[in-house]
PDB file of N, CA and C in Angstrom:
ATOM      1  N   MET A   1       2.329  -3.994   0.190  1.00  0.00           N
ATOM      2  CA  MET A   1       2.778  -3.362   1.397  1.00  0.00           C
ATOM      3  C   MET A   1       4.009  -2.524   1.058  1.00  0.00           C
ATOM      4  N   ALA A   2       4.086  -1.373   1.685  1.00  0.00           N
ATOM      5  CA  ALA A   2       5.229  -0.491   1.477  1.00  0.00           C
ATOM      6  C   ALA A   2       5.370   0.397   2.705  1.00  0.00           C
ATOM      7  N   THR A   3       6.571   0.870   2.950  1.00  0.00           N
ATOM      8  CA  THR A   3       6.776   1.810   4.044  1.00  0.00           C
ATOM      9  C   THR A   3       6.338   3.199   3.587  1.00  0.00           C
ATOM     10  N   ARG A   4       6.066   4.059   4.544  1.00  0.00           N
ATOM     11  CA  ARG A   4       5.701   5.441   4.187  1.00  0.00           C
ATOM     12  C   ARG A   4       6.830   6.068   3.383  1.00  0.00           C
ATOM     13  N   ARG A   5       8.052   5.827   3.788  1.00  0.00           N
ATOM     14  CA  ARG A   5       9.202   6.388   3.078  1.00  0.00           C
ATOM     15  C   ARG A   5       9.199   5.943   1.609  1.00  0.00           C
ATOM     16  N   GLN A   6       8.873   4.670   1.360  1.00  0.00           N
ATOM     17  CA  GLN A   6       8.810   4.167  -0.016  1.00  0.00           C
ATOM     18  C   GLN A   6       7.670   4.831  -0.790  1.00  0.00           C
ATOM     19  N   LEU A   7       6.515   5.005  -0.143  1.00  0.00           N
ATOM     20  CA  LEU A   7       5.378   5.651  -0.803  1.00  0.00           C
ATOM     21  C   LEU A   7       5.694   7.099  -1.162  1.00  0.00           C
ATOM     22  N   VAL A   8       6.345   7.811  -0.245  1.00  0.00           N
ATOM     23  CA  VAL A   8       6.703   9.207  -0.499  1.00  0.00           C
ATOM     24  C   VAL A   8       7.730   9.283  -1.629  1.00  0.00           C
ATOM     25  N   ALA A   9       8.739   8.422  -1.595  1.00  0.00           N
ATOM     26  CA  ALA A   9       9.778   8.425  -2.634  1.00  0.00           C
ATOM     27  C   ALA A   9       9.198   8.119  -4.012  1.00  0.00           C
ATOM     28  N   ALA A  10       8.162   7.283  -4.059  1.00  0.00           N
ATOM     29  CA  ALA A  10       7.529   6.931  -5.336  1.00  0.00           C
ATOM     30  C   ALA A  10       6.509   7.974  -5.789  1.00  0.00           C
ATOM     31  N   GLY A  11       6.261   9.000  -4.945  1.00  0.00           N
ATOM     32  CA  GLY A  11       5.303  10.034  -5.308  1.00  0.00           C
ATOM     33  C   GLY A  11       3.855   9.628  -5.106  1.00  0.00           C
ATOM     34  N   VAL A  12       3.628   8.555  -4.361  1.00  0.00           N
ATOM     35  CA  VAL A  12       2.271   8.053  -4.129  1.00  0.00           C
ATOM     36  C   VAL A  12       1.621   8.764  -2.949  1.00  0.00           C
ATOM     37  N   ALA A  13       2.414   9.144  -1.949  1.00  0.00           N
ATOM     38  CA  ALA A  13       1.875   9.753  -0.726  1.00  0.00           C
ATOM     39  C   ALA A  13       2.741  10.933  -0.314  1.00  0.00           C
ATOM     40  N   ALA A  14       2.161  11.778   0.528  1.00  0.00           N
ATOM     41  CA  ALA A  14       2.900  12.888   1.125  1.00  0.00           C
ATOM     42  C   ALA A  14       3.311  12.480   2.534  1.00  0.00           C
ATOM     43  N   ASN A  15       4.324  13.135   3.041  1.00  0.00           N
ATOM     44  CA  ASN A  15       4.834  12.806   4.372  1.00  0.00           C
ATOM     45  C   ASN A  15       3.866  13.158   5.490  1.00  0.00           C
ATOM     46  N   ASP A  16       3.008  14.150   5.271  1.00  0.00           N
ATOM     47  CA  ASP A  16       2.182  14.677   6.354  1.00  0.00           C
ATOM     48  C   ASP A  16       0.703  14.310   6.266  1.00  0.00           C
ATOM     49  N   THR A  17       0.325  13.452   5.318  1.00  0.00           N
ATOM     50  CA  THR A  17      -1.074  13.037   5.193  1.00  0.00           C
ATOM     51  C   THR A  17      -1.144  11.522   5.040  1.00  0.00           C
ATOM     52  N   PRO A  18      -2.289  10.938   5.368  1.00  0.00           N
ATOM     53  CA  PRO A  18      -2.431   9.485   5.177  1.00  0.00           C
ATOM     54  C   PRO A  18      -2.279   9.121   3.701  1.00  0.00           C
ATOM     55  N   PRO A  19      -1.801   7.920   3.420  1.00  0.00           N
ATOM     56  CA  PRO A  19      -1.658   7.510   2.022  1.00  0.00           C
ATOM     57  C   PRO A  19      -3.018   7.353   1.357  1.00  0.00           C
ATOM     58  N   PRO A  20      -3.096   7.578   0.040  1.00  0.00           N
ATOM     59  CA  PRO A  20      -4.373   7.418  -0.666  1.00  0.00           C
ATOM     60  C   PRO A  20      -4.723   5.937  -0.823  1.00  0.00           C
ATOM     61  N   ARG A  21      -6.009   5.658  -0.991  1.00  0.00           N
ATOM     62  CA  ARG A  21      -6.420   4.275  -1.243  1.00  0.00           C
ATOM     63  C   ARG A  21      -5.861   3.819  -2.576  1.00  0.00           C
ATOM     64  N   PRO A  22      -5.445   2.610  -2.725  1.00  0.00           N
ATOM     65  CA  PRO A  22      -5.754   1.463  -1.881  1.00  0.00           C
ATOM     66  C   PRO A  22      -4.798   1.276  -0.717  1.00  0.00           C
ATOM     67  N   TRP A  23      -3.868   2.192  -0.505  1.00  0.00           N
ATOM     68  CA  TRP A  23      -2.900   2.074   0.581  1.00  0.00           C
ATOM     69  C   TRP A  23      -3.546   2.467   1.900  1.00  0.00           C
ATOM     70  N   LEU A  24      -3.281   1.705   2.934  1.00  0.00           N
ATOM     71  CA  LEU A  24      -3.771   2.001   4.283  1.00  0.00           C
ATOM     72  C   LEU A  24      -2.591   1.959   5.241  1.00  0.00           C
ATOM     73  N   ALA A  25      -2.566   2.877   6.177  1.00  0.00           N
ATOM     74  CA  ALA A  25      -1.462   2.932   7.135  1.00  0.00           C
ATOM     75  C   ALA A  25      -1.578   1.814   8.168  1.00  0.00           C
ATOM     76  N   ILE A  26      -0.445   1.243   8.520  1.00  0.00           N
ATOM     77  CA  ILE A  26      -0.356   0.277   9.619  1.00  0.00           C
ATOM     78  C   ILE A  26       0.246   1.029  10.795  1.00  0.00           C
ATOM     79  N   GLN A  27      -0.378   0.940  11.948  1.00  0.00           N
ATOM     80  CA  GLN A  27       0.122   1.632  13.124  1.00  0.00           C
ATOM     81  C   GLN A  27       1.334   0.898  13.688  1.00  0.00           C
ATOM     82  N   GLY A  28       2.350   1.645  14.045  1.00  0.00           N
ATOM     83  CA  GLY A  28       3.544   1.061  14.636  1.00  0.00           C
ATOM     84  C   GLY A  28       4.563   2.148  14.905  1.00  0.00           C
ATOM     85  N   PRO A  29       5.601   1.814  15.642  1.00  0.00           N
ATOM     86  CA  PRO A  29       6.636   2.807  15.927  1.00  0.00           C
ATOM     87  C   PRO A  29       7.381   3.188  14.649  1.00  0.00           C
ATOM     88  N   GLY A  30       7.810   4.421  14.575  1.00  0.00           N
ATOM     89  CA  GLY A  30       8.514   4.902  13.397  1.00  0.00           C
ATOM     90  C   GLY A  30       9.856   4.239  13.160  1.00  0.00           C
ATOM     91  N   ASP A  31      10.411   3.660  14.209  1.00  0.00           N
ATOM     92  CA  ASP A  31      11.717   3.019  14.068  1.00  0.00           C
ATOM     93  C   ASP A  31      11.616   1.496  14.101  1.00  0.00           C
ATOM     94  N   ALA A  32      10.447   0.957  13.745  1.00  0.00           N
ATOM     95  CA  ALA A  32      10.249  -0.499  13.758  1.00  0.00           C
ATOM     96  C   ALA A  32      11.231  -1.158  12.795  1.00  0.00           C
ATOM     97  N   SER A  33      11.924  -2.147  13.280  1.00  0.00           N
ATOM     98  CA  SER A  33      12.898  -2.878  12.479  1.00  0.00           C
ATOM     99  C   SER A  33      12.374  -4.281  12.210  1.00  0.00           C
ATOM    100  N   THR A  34      12.609  -4.794  11.003  1.00  0.00           N
ATOM    101  CA  THR A  34      12.157  -6.153  10.703  1.00  0.00           C
ATOM    102  C   THR A  34      12.975  -7.190  11.462  1.00  0.00           C
ATOM    103  N   LEU A  35      14.001  -6.761  12.172  1.00  0.00           N
ATOM    104  CA  LEU A  35      14.713  -7.672  13.067  1.00  0.00           C
ATOM    105  C   LEU A  35      13.810  -8.046  14.235  1.00  0.00           C
ATOM    106  N   TRP A  36      13.061  -7.070  14.755  1.00  0.00           N
ATOM    107  CA  TRP A  36      12.202  -7.292  15.927  1.00  0.00           C
ATOM    108  C   TRP A  36      10.733  -7.439  15.576  1.00  0.00           C
ATOM    109  N   TYR A  37      10.302  -6.791  14.505  1.00  0.00           N
ATOM    110  CA  TYR A  37       8.891  -6.794  14.125  1.00  0.00           C
ATOM    111  C   TYR A  37       8.681  -7.589  12.841  1.00  0.00           C
ATOM    112  N   ALA A  38       7.541  -8.250  12.755  1.00  0.00           N
ATOM    113  CA  ALA A  38       7.129  -8.927  11.529  1.00  0.00           C
ATOM    114  C   ALA A  38       5.987  -8.126  10.919  1.00  0.00           C
ATOM    115  N   VAL A  39       6.018  -7.958   9.619  1.00  0.00           N
ATOM    116  CA  VAL A  39       4.903  -7.362   8.885  1.00  0.00           C
ATOM    117  C   VAL A  39       4.045  -8.534   8.424  1.00  0.00           C
ATOM    118  N   LEU A  40       2.763  -8.492   8.769  1.00  0.00           N
ATOM    119  CA  LEU A  40       1.858  -9.582   8.403  1.00  0.00           C
ATOM    120  C   LEU A  40       0.700  -9.043   7.586  1.00  0.00           C
ATOM    121  N   ARG A  41       0.142  -9.910   6.736  1.00  0.00           N
ATOM    122  CA  ARG A  41      -1.013  -9.513   5.921  1.00  0.00           C
ATOM    123  C   ARG A  41      -2.022 -10.647   5.891  1.00  0.00           C
ATOM    124  N   LYS A  42      -3.274 -10.252   5.626  1.00  0.00           N
ATOM    125  CA  LYS A  42      -4.358 -11.222   5.513  1.00  0.00           C
ATOM    126  C   LYS A  42      -5.406 -10.631   4.581  1.00  0.00           C
ATOM    127  N   ARG A  43      -5.955 -11.452   3.715  1.00  0.00           N
ATOM    128  CA  ARG A  43      -7.027 -11.001   2.823  1.00  0.00           C
ATOM    129  C   ARG A  43      -8.351 -11.249   3.542  1.00  0.00           C
ATOM    130  N   VAL A  44      -9.130 -10.186   3.725  1.00  0.00           N
ATOM    131  CA  VAL A  44     -10.426 -10.259   4.392  1.00  0.00           C
ATOM    132  C   VAL A  44     -11.454  -9.600   3.483  1.00  0.00           C
ATOM    133  N   ARG A  45     -12.436 -10.371   3.031  1.00  0.00           N
ATOM    134  CA  ARG A  45     -13.485  -9.864   2.141  1.00  0.00           C
ATOM    135  C   ARG A  45     -12.932  -9.102   0.946  1.00  0.00           C
ATOM    136  N   GLY A  46     -11.872  -9.637   0.357  1.00  0.00           N
ATOM    137  CA  GLY A  46     -11.306  -9.046  -0.846  1.00  0.00           C
ATOM    138  C   GLY A  46     -10.337  -7.902  -0.628  1.00  0.00           C
ATOM    139  N   VAL A  47     -10.096  -7.532   0.628  1.00  0.00           N
ATOM    140  CA  VAL A  47      -9.183  -6.438   0.943  1.00  0.00           C
ATOM    141  C   VAL A  47      -8.007  -7.005   1.731  1.00  0.00           C
ATOM    142  N   VAL A  48      -6.805  -6.581   1.387  1.00  0.00           N
ATOM    143  CA  VAL A  48      -5.627  -7.016   2.128  1.00  0.00           C
ATOM    144  C   VAL A  48      -5.415  -6.056   3.288  1.00  0.00           C
ATOM    145  N   ILE A  49      -5.381  -6.604   4.501  1.00  0.00           N
ATOM    146  CA  ILE A  49      -5.105  -5.792   5.685  1.00  0.00           C
ATOM    147  C   ILE A  49      -3.738  -6.195   6.219  1.00  0.00           C
ATOM    148  N   GLY A  50      -3.120  -5.315   6.956  1.00  0.00           N
ATOM    149  CA  GLY A  50      -1.791  -5.588   7.473  1.00  0.00           C
ATOM    150  C   GLY A  50      -1.650  -5.162   8.909  1.00  0.00           C
ATOM    151  N   THR A  51      -0.631  -5.700   9.546  1.00  0.00           N
ATOM    152  CA  THR A  51      -0.329  -5.341  10.923  1.00  0.00           C
ATOM    153  C   THR A  51       1.143  -5.587  11.194  1.00  0.00           C
ATOM    154  N   LEU A  52       1.621  -5.007  12.275  1.00  0.00           N
ATOM    155  CA  LEU A  52       2.961  -5.288  12.775  1.00  0.00           C
ATOM    156  C   LEU A  52       2.824  -6.114  14.035  1.00  0.00           C
ATOM    157  N   SER A  53       3.752  -7.018  14.237  1.00  0.00           N
ATOM    158  CA  SER A  53       3.755  -7.826  15.451  1.00  0.00           C
ATOM    159  C   SER A  53       5.197  -8.062  15.864  1.00  0.00           C
ATOM    160  N   ILE A  54       5.435  -8.033  17.163  1.00  0.00           N
ATOM    161  CA  ILE A  54       6.771  -8.375  17.648  1.00  0.00           C
ATOM    162  C   ILE A  54       6.995  -9.854  17.375  1.00  0.00           C
ATOM    163  N   ARG A  55       8.131 -10.156  16.781  1.00  0.00           N
ATOM    164  CA  ARG A  55       8.440 -11.545  16.422  1.00  0.00           C
ATOM    165  C   ARG A  55       8.557 -12.431  17.664  1.00  0.00           C
ATOM    166  N   HIS A  56       8.258 -13.697  17.484  1.00  0.00           N
ATOM    167  CA  HIS A  56       8.480 -14.746  18.486  1.00  0.00           C
ATOM    168  C   HIS A  56       7.760 -14.487  19.810  1.00  0.00           C
ATOM    169  N   CYS A  57       6.547 -13.966  19.729  1.00  0.00           N
ATOM    170  CA  CYS A  57       5.736 -13.800  20.937  1.00  0.00           C
ATOM    171  C   CYS A  57       4.398 -14.507  20.709  1.00  0.00           C
ATOM    172  N   ALA A  58       3.607 -14.623  21.750  1.00  0.00           N
ATOM    173  CA  ALA A  58       2.332 -15.344  21.655  1.00  0.00           C
ATOM    174  C   ALA A  58       1.393 -14.690  20.635  1.00  0.00           C
ATOM    175  N   HIS A  59       1.376 -13.369  20.583  1.00  0.00           N
ATOM    176  CA  HIS A  59       0.494 -12.667  19.640  1.00  0.00           C
ATOM    177  C   HIS A  59       0.889 -12.987  18.194  1.00  0.00           C
ATOM    178  N   HIS A  60       2.153 -12.991  17.914  1.00  0.00           N
ATOM    179  CA  HIS A  60       2.665 -13.317  16.579  1.00  0.00           C
ATOM    180  C   HIS A  60       2.249 -14.733  16.202  1.00  0.00           C
ATOM    181  N   ALA A  61       2.423 -15.676  17.110  1.00  0.00           N
ATOM    182  CA  ALA A  61       2.032 -17.071  16.853  1.00  0.00           C
ATOM    183  C   ALA A  61       0.529 -17.183  16.619  1.00  0.00           C
ATOM    184  N   SER A  62      -0.250 -16.446  17.397  1.00  0.00           N
ATOM    185  CA  SER A  62      -1.706 -16.472  17.257  1.00  0.00           C
ATOM    186  C   SER A  62      -2.140 -15.950  15.884  1.00  0.00           C
ATOM    187  N   LEU A  63      -1.517 -14.882  15.425  1.00  0.00           N
ATOM    188  CA  LEU A  63      -1.845 -14.340  14.105  1.00  0.00           C
ATOM    189  C   LEU A  63      -1.541 -15.365  13.010  1.00  0.00           C
ATOM    190  N   LEU A  64      -0.392 -16.004  13.093  1.00  0.00           N
ATOM    191  CA  LEU A  64      -0.025 -17.008  12.090  1.00  0.00           C
ATOM    192  C   LEU A  64      -1.004 -18.180  12.101  1.00  0.00           C
ATOM    193  N   GLU A  65      -1.453 -18.576  13.287  1.00  0.00           N
ATOM    194  CA  GLU A  65      -2.399 -19.695  13.406  1.00  0.00           C
ATOM    195  C   GLU A  65      -3.773 -19.358  12.833  1.00  0.00           C
ATOM    196  N   THR A  66      -4.108 -18.079  12.767  1.00  0.00           N
ATOM    197  CA  THR A  66      -5.436 -17.682  12.282  1.00  0.00           C
ATOM    198  C   THR A  66      -5.410 -17.174  10.839  1.00  0.00           C
ATOM    199  N   GLY A  67      -4.380 -17.551  10.093  1.00  0.00           N
ATOM    200  CA  GLY A  67      -4.373 -17.271   8.669  1.00  0.00           C
ATOM    201  C   GLY A  67      -3.576 -16.071   8.195  1.00  0.00           C
ATOM    202  N   TRP A  68      -2.935 -15.355   9.099  1.00  0.00           N
ATOM    203  CA  TRP A  68      -2.084 -14.249   8.677  1.00  0.00           C
ATOM    204  C   TRP A  68      -0.803 -14.828   8.096  1.00  0.00           C
ATOM    205  N   GLU A  69      -0.212 -14.123   7.141  1.00  0.00           N
ATOM    206  CA  GLU A  69       1.064 -14.564   6.584  1.00  0.00           C
ATOM    207  C   GLU A  69       2.097 -13.463   6.746  1.00  0.00           C
ATOM    208  N   GLU A  70       3.321 -13.882   7.025  1.00  0.00           N
ATOM    209  CA  GLU A  70       4.398 -12.926   7.166  1.00  0.00           C
ATOM    210  C   GLU A  70       4.819 -12.443   5.778  1.00  0.00           C
ATOM    211  N   VAL A  71       5.028 -11.152   5.664  1.00  0.00           N
ATOM    212  CA  VAL A  71       5.447 -10.559   4.394  1.00  0.00           C
ATOM    213  C   VAL A  71       6.977 -10.579   4.353  1.00  0.00           C
ATOM    214  N   PRO A  72       7.568 -11.237   3.359  1.00  0.00           N
ATOM    215  CA  PRO A  72       9.029 -11.215   3.252  1.00  0.00           C
ATOM    216  C   PRO A  72       9.526  -9.774   3.082  1.00  0.00           C
ATOM    217  N   VAL A  73      10.654  -9.469   3.699  1.00  0.00           N
ATOM    218  CA  VAL A  73      11.202  -8.113   3.623  1.00  0.00           C
ATOM    219  C   VAL A  73      11.370  -7.684   2.167  1.00  0.00           C
ATOM    220  N   SER A  74      11.752  -8.612   1.301  1.00  0.00           N
ATOM    221  CA  SER A  74      11.951  -8.271  -0.114  1.00  0.00           C
ATOM    222  C   SER A  74      10.646  -7.877  -0.810  1.00  0.00           C
ATOM    223  N   ASP A  75       9.500  -8.270  -0.258  1.00  0.00           N
ATOM    224  CA  ASP A  75       8.200  -7.919  -0.846  1.00  0.00           C
ATOM    225  C   ASP A  75       7.707  -6.541  -0.416  1.00  0.00           C
ATOM    226  N   ILE A  76       8.274  -5.994   0.651  1.00  0.00           N
ATOM    227  CA  ILE A  76       7.832  -4.687   1.136  1.00  0.00           C
ATOM    228  C   ILE A  76       8.296  -3.626   0.139  1.00  0.00           C
ATOM    229  N   GLY A  77       7.348  -2.964  -0.478  1.00  0.00           N
ATOM    230  CA  GLY A  77       7.637  -1.965  -1.502  1.00  0.00           C
ATOM    231  C   GLY A  77       7.702  -2.530  -2.909  1.00  0.00           C
ATOM    232  N   ALA A  78       7.553  -3.850  -3.060  1.00  0.00           N
ATOM    233  CA  ALA A  78       7.656  -4.477  -4.383  1.00  0.00           C
ATOM    234  C   ALA A  78       6.593  -3.959  -5.341  1.00  0.00           C
ATOM    235  N   ALA A  79       5.397  -3.680  -4.851  1.00  0.00           N
ATOM    236  CA  ALA A  79       4.319  -3.186  -5.720  1.00  0.00           C
ATOM    237  C   ALA A  79       4.679  -1.837  -6.329  1.00  0.00           C
ATOM    238  N   LEU A  80       5.471  -1.057  -5.624  1.00  0.00           N
ATOM    239  CA  LEU A  80       5.864   0.254  -6.144  1.00  0.00           C
ATOM    240  C   LEU A  80       6.844   0.125  -7.298  1.00  0.00           C
ATOM    241  N   ARG A  81       7.564  -0.970  -7.336  1.00  0.00           N
ATOM    242  CA  ARG A  81       8.510  -1.176  -8.433  1.00  0.00           C
ATOM    243  C   ARG A  81       7.782  -1.565  -9.718  1.00  0.00           C
ATOM    244  N   GLY A  82       6.508  -2.064  -9.570  1.00  0.00           N
ATOM    245  CA  GLY A  82       5.731  -2.465 -10.744  1.00  0.00           C
ATOM    246  C   GLY A  82       4.745  -1.393 -11.158  1.00  0.00           C
ATOM    247  N   SER A  83       3.823  -1.063 -10.259  1.00  0.00           N
ATOM    248  CA  SER A  83       2.772  -0.096 -10.572  1.00  0.00           C
ATOM    249  C   SER A  83       2.412   0.667  -9.316  1.00  0.00           C
ATOM    250  N   LYS A  84       2.242   1.966  -9.431  1.00  0.00           N
ATOM    251  CA  LYS A  84       1.883   2.783  -8.281  1.00  0.00           C
ATOM    252  C   LYS A  84       0.468   2.504  -7.803  1.00  0.00           C
ATOM    253  N   ASP A  85      -0.342   1.834  -8.611  1.00  0.00           N
ATOM    254  CA  ASP A  85      -1.735   1.595  -8.249  1.00  0.00           C
ATOM    255  C   ASP A  85      -1.955   0.267  -7.545  1.00  0.00           C
ATOM    256  N   GLN A  86      -0.931  -0.559  -7.416  1.00  0.00           N
ATOM    257  CA  GLN A  86      -1.105  -1.863  -6.781  1.00  0.00           C
ATOM    258  C   GLN A  86      -0.746  -1.765  -5.310  1.00  0.00           C
ATOM    259  N   ALA A  87      -1.589  -2.337  -4.452  1.00  0.00           N
ATOM    260  CA  ALA A  87      -1.298  -2.376  -3.023  1.00  0.00           C
ATOM    261  C   ALA A  87      -0.621  -3.675  -2.651  1.00  0.00           C
ATOM    262  N   MET A  88      -0.664  -4.644  -3.511  1.00  0.00           N
ATOM    263  CA  MET A  88      -0.050  -5.924  -3.206  1.00  0.00           C
ATOM    264  C   MET A  88       0.334  -6.631  -4.471  1.00  0.00           C
TER     265      MET A  88
END
């Protein structure tokens, strides 16, 4: 998982086009803060999918109960520090 800003800075994506695979965009407000939002991921049929959820609400709890895991803030963009080809 990485922010668009991190992908652009690493030369993986452009600011005005969707990121290339294996990266997929997560829909959310441009000013989403990890103070209010949690980044979550889940492996489904061999593919890691992600979403944003407002912390401490019923939807967030439901996602955690169904196998989603919260991505630590320190892990966001970590794949870019290793290899540009890794999505996770």
